[in-house]
Structure formats: C-alpha cells, structure tokens
PDB file of N, CA and C in Angstrom:
ATOM      1  N   MET A   1     -17.605  16.903 -10.017  1.00  0.00           N
ATOM      2  CA  MET A   1     -16.615  17.186 -11.015  1.00  0.00           C
ATOM      3  C   MET A   1     -17.089  16.289 -12.292  1.00  0.00           C
ATOM      4  N   THR A   2     -16.719  17.341 -13.513  1.00  0.00           N
ATOM      5  CA  THR A   2     -17.059  16.372 -14.657  1.00  0.00           C
ATOM      6  C   THR A   2     -16.592  15.915 -15.022  1.00  0.00           C
ATOM      7  N   THR A   3     -17.669  14.803 -16.108  1.00  0.00           N
ATOM      8  CA  THR A   3     -16.884  13.846 -16.664  1.00  0.00           C
ATOM      9  C   THR A   3     -16.521  14.424 -17.989  1.00  0.00           C
ATOM     10  N   LEU A   4     -15.833  12.966 -18.503  1.00  0.00           N
ATOM     11  CA  LEU A   4     -15.323  13.229 -20.000  1.00  0.00           C
ATOM     12  C   LEU A   4     -17.015  13.864 -20.999  1.00  0.00           C
ATOM     13  N   ASP A   5     -17.400  12.416 -20.628  1.00  0.00           N
ATOM     14  CA  ASP A   5     -19.155  12.696 -21.704  1.00  0.00           C
ATOM     15  C   ASP A   5     -19.492  13.838 -21.024  1.00  0.00           C
ATOM     16  N   GLN A   6     -19.479  14.569 -20.251  1.00  0.00           N
ATOM     17  CA  GLN A   6     -20.215  16.390 -19.928  1.00  0.00           C
ATOM     18  C   GLN A   6     -19.757  17.066 -20.409  1.00  0.00           C
ATOM     19  N   ALA A   7     -18.598  17.489 -20.700  1.00  0.00           N
ATOM     20  CA  ALA A   7     -17.118  17.697 -21.196  1.00  0.00           C
ATOM     21  C   ALA A   7     -17.899  17.708 -22.630  1.00  0.00           C
ATOM     22  N   ARG A   8     -17.365  16.642 -23.379  1.00  0.00           N
ATOM     23  CA  ARG A   8     -18.245  16.252 -24.541  1.00  0.00           C
ATOM     24  C   ARG A   8     -19.537  17.389 -25.076  1.00  0.00           C
ATOM     25  N   TYR A   9     -20.475  16.645 -24.377  1.00  0.00           N
ATOM     26  CA  TYR A   9     -21.840  16.669 -24.637  1.00  0.00           C
ATOM     27  C   TYR A   9     -21.653  18.924 -24.510  1.00  0.00           C
ATOM     28  N   HIS A  10     -20.817  19.358 -23.142  1.00  0.00           N
ATOM     29  CA  HIS A  10     -20.928  20.603 -23.139  1.00  0.00           C
ATOM     30  C   HIS A  10     -20.379  20.943 -24.711  1.00  0.00           C
ATOM     31  N   LEU A  11     -19.401  20.548 -25.043  1.00  0.00           N
ATOM     32  CA  LEU A  11     -18.686  21.193 -25.959  1.00  0.00           C
ATOM     33  C   LEU A  11     -19.358  20.341 -27.422  1.00  0.00           C
ATOM     34  N   ARG A  12     -20.071  20.031 -27.670  1.00  0.00           N
ATOM     35  CA  ARG A  12     -21.374  19.456 -28.538  1.00  0.00           C
ATOM     36  C   ARG A  12     -20.165  18.711 -29.535  1.00  0.00           C
ATOM     37  N   ILE A  13     -19.397  17.982 -28.848  1.00  0.00           N
ATOM     38  CA  ILE A  13     -18.629  16.866 -29.404  1.00  0.00           C
ATOM     39  C   ILE A  13     -18.965  15.567 -29.898  1.00  0.00           C
ATOM     40  N   ASP A  14     -19.164  14.821 -30.912  1.00  0.00           N
ATOM     41  CA  ASP A  14     -19.603  13.724 -30.754  1.00  0.00           C
ATOM     42  C   ASP A  14     -18.341  12.998 -31.391  1.00  0.00           C
ATOM     43  N   GLY A  15     -18.297  11.562 -30.968  1.00  0.00           N
ATOM     44  CA  GLY A  15     -16.802  10.627 -30.999  1.00  0.00           C
ATOM     45  C   GLY A  15     -16.182  11.168 -29.989  1.00  0.00           C
ATOM     46  N   THR A  16     -14.766  10.079 -30.343  1.00  0.00           N
ATOM     47  CA  THR A  16     -13.935  10.075 -29.017  1.00  0.00           C
ATOM     48  C   THR A  16     -12.633  10.618 -29.785  1.00  0.00           C
ATOM     49  N   GLU A  17     -12.830  11.185 -31.109  1.00  0.00           N
ATOM     50  CA  GLU A  17     -11.362  11.425 -31.404  1.00  0.00           C
ATOM     51  C   GLU A  17     -10.662  12.512 -30.855  1.00  0.00           C
ATOM     52  N   HIS A  18     -11.370  13.422 -30.096  1.00  0.00           N
ATOM     53  CA  HIS A  18     -10.677  14.411 -29.336  1.00  0.00           C
ATOM     54  C   HIS A  18     -10.667  14.391 -27.701  1.00  0.00           C
ATOM     55  N   ASP A  19     -10.693  12.943 -27.753  1.00  0.00           N
ATOM     56  CA  ASP A  19     -10.823  12.698 -26.315  1.00  0.00           C
ATOM     57  C   ASP A  19      -9.639  13.427 -25.342  1.00  0.00           C
ATOM     58  N   ALA A  20      -8.321  12.824 -25.472  1.00  0.00           N
ATOM     59  CA  ALA A  20      -7.812  13.615 -24.811  1.00  0.00           C
ATOM     60  C   ALA A  20      -7.112  14.624 -24.870  1.00  0.00           C
ATOM     61  N   GLU A  21      -7.392  15.853 -25.981  1.00  0.00           N
ATOM     62  CA  GLU A  21      -7.147  16.935 -25.969  1.00  0.00           C
ATOM     63  C   GLU A  21      -8.654  17.471 -24.879  1.00  0.00           C
ATOM     64  N   ILE A  22      -9.998  16.673 -24.630  1.00  0.00           N
ATOM     65  CA  ILE A  22     -10.682  17.521 -24.099  1.00  0.00           C
ATOM     66  C   ILE A  22     -10.526  17.077 -22.516  1.00  0.00           C
ATOM     67  N   GLU A  23      -9.673  16.224 -22.033  1.00  0.00           N
ATOM     68  CA  GLU A  23      -9.473  16.015 -21.263  1.00  0.00           C
ATOM     69  C   GLU A  23      -7.979  16.066 -20.628  1.00  0.00           C
ATOM     70  N   GLN A  24      -7.132  17.250 -21.201  1.00  0.00           N
ATOM     71  CA  GLN A  24      -6.297  17.832 -20.805  1.00  0.00           C
ATOM     72  C   GLN A  24      -7.088  19.365 -20.720  1.00  0.00           C
ATOM     73  N   LYS A  25      -7.704  19.647 -21.635  1.00  0.00           N
ATOM     74  CA  LYS A  25      -8.000  20.859 -21.159  1.00  0.00           C
ATOM     75  C   LYS A  25      -9.233  21.023 -19.592  1.00  0.00           C
ATOM     76  N   LEU A  26      -9.699  19.761 -19.812  1.00  0.00           N
ATOM     77  CA  LEU A  26     -10.773  19.493 -18.806  1.00  0.00           C
ATOM     78  C   LEU A  26      -9.992  19.563 -17.285  1.00  0.00           C
ATOM     79  N   MET A  27      -8.741  18.737 -17.266  1.00  0.00           N
ATOM     80  CA  MET A  27      -8.091  18.832 -16.195  1.00  0.00           C
ATOM     81  C   MET A  27      -7.363  20.976 -15.559  1.00  0.00           C
ATOM     82  N   LEU A  28      -7.076  21.224 -16.891  1.00  0.00           N
ATOM     83  CA  LEU A  28      -6.263  22.827 -16.917  1.00  0.00           C
ATOM     84  C   LEU A  28      -7.987  23.317 -16.138  1.00  0.00           C
ATOM     85  N   ALA A  29      -8.985  23.156 -16.819  1.00  0.00           N
ATOM     86  CA  ALA A  29     -10.007  24.237 -16.633  1.00  0.00           C
ATOM     87  C   ALA A  29     -10.006  23.999 -14.904  1.00  0.00           C
ATOM     88  N   ARG A  30     -10.155  22.502 -14.099  1.00  0.00           N
ATOM     89  CA  ARG A  30     -10.853  22.169 -13.239  1.00  0.00           C
ATOM     90  C   ARG A  30      -9.294  23.297 -12.209  1.00  0.00           C
ATOM     91  N   ALA A  31      -8.161  23.238 -12.033  1.00  0.00           N
ATOM     92  CA  ALA A  31      -7.015  23.550 -12.100  1.00  0.00           C
ATOM     93  C   ALA A  31      -7.246  25.029 -11.564  1.00  0.00           C
ATOM     94  N   ILE A  32      -7.309  25.694 -12.821  1.00  0.00           N
ATOM     95  CA  ILE A  32      -8.091  27.707 -12.943  1.00  0.00           C
ATOM     96  C   ILE A  32      -9.111  27.308 -12.152  1.00  0.00           C
ATOM     97  N   VAL A  33      -9.792  26.941 -11.989  1.00  0.00           N
ATOM     98  CA  VAL A  33     -11.250  26.809 -10.582  1.00  0.00           C
ATOM     99  C   VAL A  33     -10.462  27.083  -9.855  1.00  0.00           C
ATOM    100  N   SER A  34     -10.060  25.888  -9.346  1.00  0.00           N
ATOM    101  CA  SER A  34      -9.326  25.959  -8.030  1.00  0.00           C
ATOM    102  C   SER A  34      -8.804  26.660  -7.577  1.00  0.00           C
ATOM    103  N   ASP A  35      -7.051  26.635  -8.874  1.00  0.00           N
ATOM    104  CA  ASP A  35      -6.580  27.892  -8.222  1.00  0.00           C
ATOM    105  C   ASP A  35      -7.572  29.679  -7.662  1.00  0.00           C
ATOM    106  N   TYR A  36      -8.314  29.641  -8.722  1.00  0.00           N
ATOM    107  CA  TYR A  36      -9.180  31.375  -8.120  1.00  0.00           C
ATOM    108  C   TYR A  36      -9.702  31.011  -7.012  1.00  0.00           C
ATOM    109  N   ILE A  37     -10.334  30.007  -6.405  1.00  0.00           N
ATOM    110  CA  ILE A  37     -10.909  29.774  -5.191  1.00  0.00           C
ATOM    111  C   ILE A  37     -10.063  29.704  -3.909  1.00  0.00           C
ATOM    112  N   GLY A  38      -9.235  29.050  -4.326  1.00  0.00           N
ATOM    113  CA  GLY A  38      -8.520  29.085  -3.199  1.00  0.00           C
ATOM    114  C   GLY A  38      -8.692  27.294  -3.073  1.00  0.00           C
ATOM    115  N   SER A  39      -8.219  26.996  -1.234  1.00  0.00           N
ATOM    116  CA  SER A  39      -8.691  26.232  -0.559  1.00  0.00           C
ATOM    117  C   SER A  39      -9.907  25.999  -0.434  1.00  0.00           C
ATOM    118  N   ASN A  40     -11.267  25.410  -0.328  1.00  0.00           N
ATOM    119  CA  ASN A  40     -12.179  26.246   0.263  1.00  0.00           C
ATOM    120  C   ASN A  40     -13.385  24.935   0.679  1.00  0.00           C
ATOM    121  N   ASN A  41     -13.286  23.833   1.583  1.00  0.00           N
ATOM    122  CA  ASN A  41     -13.672  22.849   2.157  1.00  0.00           C
ATOM    123  C   ASN A  41     -15.229  23.348   2.218  1.00  0.00           C
ATOM    124  N   GLN A  42     -15.967  24.400   2.013  1.00  0.00           N
ATOM    125  CA  GLN A  42     -17.436  24.958   2.009  1.00  0.00           C
ATOM    126  C   GLN A  42     -17.752  24.991   0.475  1.00  0.00           C
ATOM    127  N   SER A  43     -17.040  25.216   0.065  1.00  0.00           N
ATOM    128  CA  SER A  43     -17.717  25.890  -1.934  1.00  0.00           C
ATOM    129  C   SER A  43     -18.528  24.256  -2.196  1.00  0.00           C
ATOM    130  N   ASN A  44     -19.272  24.953  -3.120  1.00  0.00           N
ATOM    131  CA  ASN A  44     -20.249  24.520  -3.623  1.00  0.00           C
ATOM    132  C   ASN A  44     -19.987  23.595  -5.291  1.00  0.00           C
ATOM    133  N   GLY A  45     -20.102  22.800  -5.333  1.00  0.00           N
ATOM    134  CA  GLY A  45     -19.496  21.314  -5.829  1.00  0.00           C
ATOM    135  C   GLY A  45     -20.384  22.154  -7.650  1.00  0.00           C
ATOM    136  N   ASP A  46     -21.313  22.788  -7.581  1.00  0.00           N
ATOM    137  CA  ASP A  46     -22.756  22.953  -8.485  1.00  0.00           C
ATOM    138  C   ASP A  46     -21.671  24.240  -8.633  1.00  0.00           C
ATOM    139  N   VAL A  47     -21.882  25.073  -8.431  1.00  0.00           N
ATOM    140  CA  VAL A  47     -21.239  26.294  -8.937  1.00  0.00           C
ATOM    141  C   VAL A  47     -19.944  26.178  -9.455  1.00  0.00           C
ATOM    142  N   GLU A  48     -18.698  25.791  -8.770  1.00  0.00           N
ATOM    143  CA  GLU A  48     -17.178  24.717  -9.452  1.00  0.00           C
ATOM    144  C   GLU A  48     -17.808  23.703 -11.058  1.00  0.00           C
ATOM    145  N   GLN A  49     -18.789  23.168 -10.754  1.00  0.00           N
ATOM    146  CA  GLN A  49     -18.940  22.496 -11.926  1.00  0.00           C
ATOM    147  C   GLN A  49     -19.024  23.222 -13.021  1.00  0.00           C
ATOM    148  N   ALA A  50     -20.024  24.237 -12.780  1.00  0.00           N
ATOM    149  CA  ALA A  50     -20.788  25.076 -14.175  1.00  0.00           C
ATOM    150  C   ALA A  50     -19.404  26.086 -14.366  1.00  0.00           C
ATOM    151  N   ALA A  51     -18.182  26.681 -13.377  1.00  0.00           N
ATOM    152  CA  ALA A  51     -17.216  27.325 -13.878  1.00  0.00           C
ATOM    153  C   ALA A  51     -16.344  26.718 -14.847  1.00  0.00           C
ATOM    154  N   THR A  52     -16.092  25.336 -14.170  1.00  0.00           N
ATOM    155  CA  THR A  52     -15.395  24.446 -15.360  1.00  0.00           C
ATOM    156  C   THR A  52     -16.016  24.491 -15.989  1.00  0.00           C
ATOM    157  N   MET A  53     -16.648  24.350 -15.984  1.00  0.00           N
ATOM    158  CA  MET A  53     -17.582  23.839 -18.146  1.00  0.00           C
ATOM    159  C   MET A  53     -17.322  25.500 -18.478  1.00  0.00           C
ATOM    160  N   LEU A  54     -17.487  26.496 -18.307  1.00  0.00           N
ATOM    161  CA  LEU A  54     -17.139  27.631 -18.940  1.00  0.00           C
ATOM    162  C   LEU A  54     -16.102  28.111 -19.379  1.00  0.00           C
ATOM    163  N   VAL A  55     -15.315  27.505 -18.089  1.00  0.00           N
ATOM    164  CA  VAL A  55     -13.704  27.688 -18.445  1.00  0.00           C
ATOM    165  C   VAL A  55     -12.897  26.562 -19.800  1.00  0.00           C
ATOM    166  N   LEU A  56     -13.350  24.894 -19.410  1.00  0.00           N
ATOM    167  CA  LEU A  56     -13.314  24.487 -20.486  1.00  0.00           C
ATOM    168  C   LEU A  56     -14.003  24.814 -21.738  1.00  0.00           C
ATOM    169  N   GLY A  57     -14.827  25.797 -22.081  1.00  0.00           N
ATOM    170  CA  GLY A  57     -15.551  25.904 -23.346  1.00  0.00           C
ATOM    171  C   GLY A  57     -14.673  27.164 -23.571  1.00  0.00           C
ATOM    172  N   GLU A  58     -13.960  27.905 -22.756  1.00  0.00           N
ATOM    173  CA  GLU A  58     -12.713  29.215 -23.310  1.00  0.00           C
ATOM    174  C   GLU A  58     -11.984  28.443 -23.821  1.00  0.00           C
ATOM    175  N   LEU A  59     -11.533  27.521 -22.908  1.00  0.00           N
ATOM    176  CA  LEU A  59     -10.355  26.456 -23.220  1.00  0.00           C
ATOM    177  C   LEU A  59     -10.011  26.225 -24.991  1.00  0.00           C
ATOM    178  N   TRP A  60     -11.491  25.230 -25.110  1.00  0.00           N
ATOM    179  CA  TRP A  60     -11.653  24.842 -26.724  1.00  0.00           C
ATOM    180  C   TRP A  60     -11.979  25.896 -27.728  1.00  0.00           C
ATOM    181  N   LEU A  61     -12.696  26.346 -27.387  1.00  0.00           N
ATOM    182  CA  LEU A  61     -12.667  27.445 -28.078  1.00  0.00           C
ATOM    183  C   LEU A  61     -11.792  28.585 -28.797  1.00  0.00           C
ATOM    184  N   ASN A  62     -10.740  28.413 -27.748  1.00  0.00           N
ATOM    185  CA  ASN A  62      -9.349  29.880 -27.746  1.00  0.00           C
ATOM    186  C   ASN A  62      -8.323  28.512 -27.812  1.00  0.00           C
ATOM    187  N   ARG A  63      -8.378  27.322 -28.771  1.00  0.00           N
ATOM    188  CA  ARG A  63      -7.117  26.518 -28.511  1.00  0.00           C
ATOM    189  C   ARG A  63      -6.374  27.178 -29.252  1.00  0.00           C
ATOM    190  N   GLU A  64      -6.349  27.549 -30.309  1.00  0.00           N
ATOM    191  CA  GLU A  64      -5.210  27.527 -30.663  1.00  0.00           C
ATOM    192  C   GLU A  64      -4.712  29.031 -30.718  1.00  0.00           C
ATOM    193  N   SER A  65      -5.072  29.800 -29.942  1.00  0.00           N
ATOM    194  CA  SER A  65      -4.895  30.997 -28.679  1.00  0.00           C
ATOM    195  C   SER A  65      -4.204  30.979 -27.928  1.00  0.00           C
ATOM    196  N   SER A  66      -3.407  31.646 -27.364  1.00  0.00           N
ATOM    197  CA  SER A  66      -2.885  31.550 -26.102  1.00  0.00           C
ATOM    198  C   SER A  66      -2.726  32.808 -24.964  1.00  0.00           C
ATOM    199  N   SER A  67      -3.504  33.778 -25.649  1.00  0.00           N
ATOM    200  CA  SER A  67      -3.987  34.853 -24.918  1.00  0.00           C
ATOM    201  C   SER A  67      -5.143  34.861 -24.178  1.00  0.00           C
ATOM    202  N   ALA A  68      -6.162  34.043 -24.480  1.00  0.00           N
ATOM    203  CA  ALA A  68      -7.245  34.431 -24.437  1.00  0.00           C
ATOM    204  C   ALA A  68      -7.313  34.312 -22.847  1.00  0.00           C
ATOM    205  N   ASP A  69      -8.602  34.966 -22.009  1.00  0.00           N
ATOM    206  CA  ASP A  69      -8.538  35.477 -20.595  1.00  0.00           C
ATOM    207  C   ASP A  69      -9.815  34.279 -20.630  1.00  0.00           C
ATOM    208  N   VAL A  70      -9.490  33.017 -20.131  1.00  0.00           N
ATOM    209  CA  VAL A  70     -10.552  32.027 -19.753  1.00  0.00           C
ATOM    210  C   VAL A  70     -11.398  32.358 -18.587  1.00  0.00           C
ATOM    211  N   LEU A  71     -10.437  33.603 -17.673  1.00  0.00           N
ATOM    212  CA  LEU A  71     -11.405  33.909 -16.497  1.00  0.00           C
ATOM    213  C   LEU A  71     -12.556  34.872 -16.544  1.00  0.00           C
ATOM    214  N   SER A  72     -13.679  34.516 -17.423  1.00  0.00           N
ATOM    215  CA  SER A  72     -14.378  35.789 -18.162  1.00  0.00           C
ATOM    216  C   SER A  72     -15.218  36.128 -17.051  1.00  0.00           C
ATOM    217  N   PRO A  73     -15.754  37.161 -17.259  1.00  0.00           N
ATOM    218  CA  PRO A  73     -16.795  37.526 -15.747  1.00  0.00           C
ATOM    219  C   PRO A  73     -17.520  36.911 -15.097  1.00  0.00           C
ATOM    220  N   ALA A  74     -18.321  36.261 -16.364  1.00  0.00           N
ATOM    221  CA  ALA A  74     -19.261  35.233 -16.449  1.00  0.00           C
ATOM    222  C   ALA A  74     -18.265  34.024 -14.864  1.00  0.00           C
ATOM    223  N   VAL A  75     -17.460  33.584 -15.043  1.00  0.00           N
ATOM    224  CA  VAL A  75     -16.808  32.865 -14.290  1.00  0.00           C
ATOM    225  C   VAL A  75     -16.438  33.479 -13.455  1.00  0.00           C
ATOM    226  N   ARG A  76     -15.846  34.740 -13.367  1.00  0.00           N
ATOM    227  CA  ARG A  76     -15.519  35.842 -11.674  1.00  0.00           C
ATOM    228  C   ARG A  76     -16.885  35.089 -10.817  1.00  0.00           C
ATOM    229  N   SER A  77     -18.063  36.063 -11.693  1.00  0.00           N
ATOM    230  CA  SER A  77     -19.058  36.173 -10.653  1.00  0.00           C
ATOM    231  C   SER A  77     -19.617  34.904 -10.244  1.00  0.00           C
ATOM    232  N   LEU A  78     -19.641  33.634 -11.152  1.00  0.00           N
ATOM    233  CA  LEU A  78     -19.938  32.402  -9.949  1.00  0.00           C
ATOM    234  C   LEU A  78     -18.995  32.180  -8.676  1.00  0.00           C
ATOM    235  N   LEU A  79     -18.006  32.372  -9.292  1.00  0.00           N
ATOM    236  CA  LEU A  79     -16.691  32.089  -7.893  1.00  0.00           C
ATOM    237  C   LEU A  79     -16.994  32.738  -7.113  1.00  0.00           C
ATOM    238  N   GLU A  80     -16.766  34.037  -6.810  1.00  0.00           N
ATOM    239  CA  GLU A  80     -16.675  35.083  -6.576  1.00  0.00           C
ATOM    240  C   GLU A  80     -16.654  34.948  -4.606  1.00  0.00           C
ATOM    241  N   ARG A  81     -18.321  34.446  -4.210  1.00  0.00           N
ATOM    242  CA  ARG A  81     -18.497  33.692  -2.853  1.00  0.00           C
ATOM    243  C   ARG A  81     -18.503  32.166  -3.080  1.00  0.00           C
ATOM    244  N   GLN A  82     -17.402  31.560  -3.596  1.00  0.00           N
ATOM    245  CA  GLN A  82     -16.890  30.825  -3.311  1.00  0.00           C
ATOM    246  C   GLN A  82     -15.025  30.498  -3.100  1.00  0.00           C
ATOM    247  N   LYS A  83     -14.692  32.103  -3.225  1.00  0.00           N
ATOM    248  CA  LYS A  83     -13.087  32.075  -3.184  1.00  0.00           C
ATOM    249  C   LYS A  83     -12.550  32.089  -0.992  1.00  0.00           C
ATOM    250  N   VAL A  84     -11.957  31.691  -0.875  1.00  0.00           N
ATOM    251  CA  VAL A  84     -11.220  31.365   0.432  1.00  0.00           C
ATOM    252  C   VAL A  84     -11.051  33.027   0.973  1.00  0.00           C
ATOM    253  N   GLN A  85     -10.899  33.942   1.643  1.00  0.00           N
ATOM    254  CA  GLN A  85     -10.890  35.069   1.715  1.00  0.00           C
ATOM    255  C   GLN A  85      -9.342  34.782   2.538  1.00  0.00           C
ATOM    256  N   ALA A  86      -8.094  35.469   2.811  1.00  0.00           N
ATOM    257  CA  ALA A  86      -7.308  35.631   2.724  1.00  0.00           C
ATOM    258  C   ALA A  86      -7.400  36.598   4.793  1.00  0.00           C
ATOM    259  N   LEU A  87      -6.697  36.169   5.618  1.00  0.00           N
ATOM    260  CA  LEU A  87      -6.579  36.536   6.337  1.00  0.00           C
ATOM    261  C   LEU A  87      -6.124  37.547   6.275  1.00  0.00           C
ATOM    262  N   ALA A  88      -6.505  39.021   7.103  1.00  0.00           N
ATOM    263  CA  ALA A  88      -4.882  40.151   6.723  1.00  0.00           C
ATOM    264  C   ALA A  88      -4.352  40.263   8.308  1.00  0.00           C
TER     265      ALA A  88
END
C-alpha cells in the first residue's frame, strides 16, 4: 500500500502543507484502482501500487478539473491482467 511519504515523493512535494489533500487523493486513487480490477485476492500488489501512483499523479495534476480521465491507457494496461473476469 502506498504511504503518504511515497505519495509526496512521487508528486515531488516537499513539506506537509498539502498532506490532507494528498491523503484524500491517495484514498481516491486506491478506490479507483480497486474498482477497476474488482476484488481479486490473486492481484499483484506492486502492479496495483504502480497504478495507484499513476492515478494519484493524474488526480494531482488535474486537481482543478473535474473532467480528467485518470484511467489513462498506461493504467489500464497495467491493471488489465489484474481484473477479475466476470463469469458468464
């Protein structure tokens, strides 16, 4: 699981003045990744963490916009094998 310190480092933010906003976006990024892949006990934590960091970066970069697509092709590609396939 991505920590606040890792998130700050990834976003290249020094100091703690934005911690509340970063924590909020980190929780949202985790939720977006989890929602995309479904519940999968076999998922790769490293892949999920990488995708979470990418989504977090998009959320931070586009924090003033409500129309950004945070599930970029890179994130979708990372997570595609982690998705739980629905039974037909």
